[in-house]
Amino acid sequence: MDKMGHRRTNRDTSKNGRFFSFYLQKISRLKEIFQSGKND
């Protein structure tokens, strides 16, 4: 899912892409915290 892959909806991609990446970062972070807590 590159910027080059989605040339047709560039405007939507830039908006959704930014939000999606931010969302993914939050999820991965929560997963890390959850896993580390589980290990303890």
PDB file of N, CA and C in Angstrom:
ATOM      1  N   MET A   1       0.845  -1.191   0.000  1.00  0.00           N
ATOM      2  CA  MET A   1       0.000   0.000   0.000  1.00  0.00           C
ATOM      3  C   MET A   1       0.883   1.245   0.000  1.00  0.00           C
ATOM      4  N   ASP A   2       1.505   1.466  -1.117  1.00  0.00           N
ATOM      5  CA  ASP A   2       2.388   2.623  -1.265  1.00  0.00           C
ATOM      6  C   ASP A   2       1.620   3.831  -1.750  1.00  0.00           C
ATOM      7  N   LYS A   3       2.278   4.969  -1.764  1.00  0.00           N
ATOM      8  CA  LYS A   3       1.665   6.151  -2.372  1.00  0.00           C
ATOM      9  C   LYS A   3       1.604   5.935  -3.878  1.00  0.00           C
ATOM     10  N   MET A   4       2.590   5.204  -4.401  1.00  0.00           N
ATOM     11  CA  MET A   4       2.623   4.951  -5.846  1.00  0.00           C
ATOM     12  C   MET A   4       1.514   3.949  -6.206  1.00  0.00           C
ATOM     13  N   GLY A   5       1.201   3.056  -5.304  1.00  0.00           N
ATOM     14  CA  GLY A   5       0.182   2.048  -5.597  1.00  0.00           C
ATOM     15  C   GLY A   5      -1.191   2.684  -5.713  1.00  0.00           C
ATOM     16  N   HIS A   6      -1.417   3.722  -4.921  1.00  0.00           N
ATOM     17  CA  HIS A   6      -2.734   4.377  -4.953  1.00  0.00           C
ATOM     18  C   HIS A   6      -2.599   5.774  -5.552  1.00  0.00           C
ATOM     19  N   ARG A   7      -2.449   5.807  -6.880  1.00  0.00           N
ATOM     20  CA  ARG A   7      -2.274   7.123  -7.535  1.00  0.00           C
ATOM     21  C   ARG A   7      -3.641   7.723  -7.844  1.00  0.00           C
ATOM     22  N   ARG A   8      -4.647   6.855  -8.012  1.00  0.00           N
ATOM     23  CA  ARG A   8      -5.974   7.348  -8.397  1.00  0.00           C
ATOM     24  C   ARG A   8      -6.565   8.196  -7.267  1.00  0.00           C
ATOM     25  N   THR A   9      -6.582   7.647  -6.067  1.00  0.00           N
ATOM     26  CA  THR A   9      -7.165   8.385  -4.935  1.00  0.00           C
ATOM     27  C   THR A   9      -6.037   8.939  -4.072  1.00  0.00           C
ATOM     28  N   ASN A  10      -5.320   9.870  -4.634  1.00  0.00           N
ATOM     29  CA  ASN A  10      -4.170  10.430  -3.917  1.00  0.00           C
ATOM     30  C   ASN A  10      -4.643  11.253  -2.719  1.00  0.00           C
ATOM     31  N   ARG A  11      -5.687  12.033  -2.932  1.00  0.00           N
ATOM     32  CA  ARG A  11      -6.170  12.892  -1.855  1.00  0.00           C
ATOM     33  C   ARG A  11      -6.666  12.036  -0.690  1.00  0.00           C
ATOM     34  N   ASP A  12      -7.485  11.038  -0.999  1.00  0.00           N
ATOM     35  CA  ASP A  12      -8.025  10.170   0.056  1.00  0.00           C
ATOM     36  C   ASP A  12      -6.911   9.397   0.735  1.00  0.00           C
ATOM     37  N   THR A  13      -5.957   8.940  -0.063  1.00  0.00           N
ATOM     38  CA  THR A  13      -4.865   8.133   0.496  1.00  0.00           C
ATOM     39  C   THR A  13      -4.054   8.943   1.500  1.00  0.00           C
ATOM     40  N   SER A  14      -3.737  10.172   1.147  1.00  0.00           N
ATOM     41  CA  SER A  14      -2.931  10.995   2.053  1.00  0.00           C
ATOM     42  C   SER A  14      -3.673  11.205   3.374  1.00  0.00           C
ATOM     43  N   LYS A  15      -4.985  11.399   3.269  1.00  0.00           N
ATOM     44  CA  LYS A  15      -5.781  11.621   4.489  1.00  0.00           C
ATOM     45  C   LYS A  15      -5.929  10.317   5.265  1.00  0.00           C
ATOM     46  N   ASN A  16      -6.448   9.291   4.604  1.00  0.00           N
ATOM     47  CA  ASN A  16      -6.672   8.008   5.277  1.00  0.00           C
ATOM     48  C   ASN A  16      -5.353   7.359   5.658  1.00  0.00           C
ATOM     49  N   GLY A  17      -4.368   7.475   4.791  1.00  0.00           N
ATOM     50  CA  GLY A  17      -3.066   6.861   5.061  1.00  0.00           C
ATOM     51  C   GLY A  17      -2.467   7.385   6.348  1.00  0.00           C
ATOM     52  N   ARG A  18      -2.539   8.682   6.526  1.00  0.00           N
ATOM     53  CA  ARG A  18      -1.964   9.266   7.731  1.00  0.00           C
ATOM     54  C   ARG A  18      -2.710   8.760   8.964  1.00  0.00           C
ATOM     55  N   PHE A  19      -4.023   8.767   8.881  1.00  0.00           N
ATOM     56  CA  PHE A  19      -4.843   8.319  10.008  1.00  0.00           C
ATOM     57  C   PHE A  19      -4.610   6.839  10.278  1.00  0.00           C
ATOM     58  N   PHE A  20      -4.523   6.062   9.185  1.00  0.00           N
ATOM     59  CA  PHE A  20      -4.342   4.617   9.333  1.00  0.00           C
ATOM     60  C   PHE A  20      -3.005   4.297   9.984  1.00  0.00           C
ATOM     61  N   SER A  21      -1.951   4.971   9.533  1.00  0.00           N
ATOM     62  CA  SER A  21      -0.621   4.716  10.095  1.00  0.00           C
ATOM     63  C   SER A  21      -0.617   5.094  11.578  1.00  0.00           C
ATOM     64  N   PHE A  22      -1.258   6.195  11.908  1.00  0.00           N
ATOM     65  CA  PHE A  22      -1.348   6.634  13.298  1.00  0.00           C
ATOM     66  C   PHE A  22      -2.099   5.597  14.128  1.00  0.00           C
ATOM     67  N   TYR A  23      -3.189   5.079  13.546  1.00  0.00           N
ATOM     68  CA  TYR A  23      -3.998   4.068  14.219  1.00  0.00           C
ATOM     69  C   TYR A  23      -3.183   2.803  14.436  1.00  0.00           C
ATOM     70  N   LEU A  24      -2.447   2.403  13.394  1.00  0.00           N
ATOM     71  CA  LEU A  24      -1.633   1.187  13.481  1.00  0.00           C
ATOM     72  C   LEU A  24      -0.580   1.347  14.564  1.00  0.00           C
ATOM     73  N   GLN A  25       0.025   2.520  14.631  1.00  0.00           N
ATOM     74  CA  GLN A  25       1.056   2.760  15.642  1.00  0.00           C
ATOM     75  C   GLN A  25       0.469   2.590  17.037  1.00  0.00           C
ATOM     76  N   LYS A  26      -0.697   3.140  17.243  1.00  0.00           N
ATOM     77  CA  LYS A  26      -1.348   3.026  18.559  1.00  0.00           C
ATOM     78  C   LYS A  26      -1.614   1.566  18.887  1.00  0.00           C
ATOM     79  N   ILE A  27      -2.122   0.821  17.913  1.00  0.00           N
ATOM     80  CA  ILE A  27      -2.449  -0.591  18.127  1.00  0.00           C
ATOM     81  C   ILE A  27      -1.193  -1.372  18.495  1.00  0.00           C
ATOM     82  N   SER A  28      -0.147  -1.195  17.709  1.00  0.00           N
ATOM     83  CA  SER A  28       1.092  -1.943  17.963  1.00  0.00           C
ATOM     84  C   SER A  28       1.637  -1.583  19.341  1.00  0.00           C
ATOM     85  N   ARG A  29       1.501  -0.335  19.726  1.00  0.00           N
ATOM     86  CA  ARG A  29       2.011   0.099  21.024  1.00  0.00           C
ATOM     87  C   ARG A  29       1.209  -0.578  22.134  1.00  0.00           C
ATOM     88  N   LEU A  30      -0.107  -0.586  21.973  1.00  0.00           N
ATOM     89  CA  LEU A  30      -0.964  -1.224  22.970  1.00  0.00           C
ATOM     90  C   LEU A  30      -0.619  -2.697  23.079  1.00  0.00           C
ATOM     91  N   LYS A  31      -0.368  -3.321  21.925  1.00  0.00           N
ATOM     92  CA  LYS A  31      -0.023  -4.748  21.918  1.00  0.00           C
ATOM     93  C   LYS A  31       1.256  -4.972  22.708  1.00  0.00           C
ATOM     94  N   GLU A  32       2.236  -4.111  22.477  1.00  0.00           N
ATOM     95  CA  GLU A  32       3.520  -4.251  23.178  1.00  0.00           C
ATOM     96  C   GLU A  32       3.305  -4.147  24.682  1.00  0.00           C
ATOM     97  N   ILE A  33       2.587  -3.133  25.105  1.00  0.00           N
ATOM     98  CA  ILE A  33       2.333  -2.937  26.537  1.00  0.00           C
ATOM     99  C   ILE A  33       1.587  -4.139  27.105  1.00  0.00           C
ATOM    100  N   PHE A  34       0.594  -4.603  26.369  1.00  0.00           N
ATOM    101  CA  PHE A  34      -0.209  -5.732  26.831  1.00  0.00           C
ATOM    102  C   PHE A  34       0.658  -6.978  26.966  1.00  0.00           C
ATOM    103  N   GLN A  35       1.505  -7.225  25.962  1.00  0.00           N
ATOM    104  CA  GLN A  35       2.355  -8.424  25.982  1.00  0.00           C
ATOM    105  C   GLN A  35       3.369  -8.335  27.117  1.00  0.00           C
ATOM    106  N   SER A  36       3.996  -7.185  27.269  1.00  0.00           N
ATOM    107  CA  SER A  36       4.997  -7.036  28.326  1.00  0.00           C
ATOM    108  C   SER A  36       4.330  -7.240  29.686  1.00  0.00           C
ATOM    109  N   GLY A  37       3.123  -6.736  29.834  1.00  0.00           N
ATOM    110  CA  GLY A  37       2.391  -6.902  31.089  1.00  0.00           C
ATOM    111  C   GLY A  37       2.049  -8.361  31.317  1.00  0.00           C
ATOM    112  N   LYS A  38       1.739  -9.063  30.237  1.00  0.00           N
ATOM    113  CA  LYS A  38       1.388 -10.478  30.351  1.00  0.00           C
ATOM    114  C   LYS A  38       2.606 -11.280  30.792  1.00  0.00           C
ATOM    115  N   ASN A  39       3.751 -10.944  30.221  1.00  0.00           N
ATOM    116  CA  ASN A  39       4.975 -11.681  30.550  1.00  0.00           C
ATOM    117  C   ASN A  39       5.325 -11.509  32.021  1.00  0.00           C
ATOM    118  N   ASP A  40       5.063 -10.330  32.544  1.00  0.00           N
ATOM    119  CA  ASP A  40       5.349 -10.087  33.953  1.00  0.00           C
ATOM    120  C   ASP A  40       4.348 -10.862  34.775  1.00  0.00           C
TER     121      ASP A  40
END
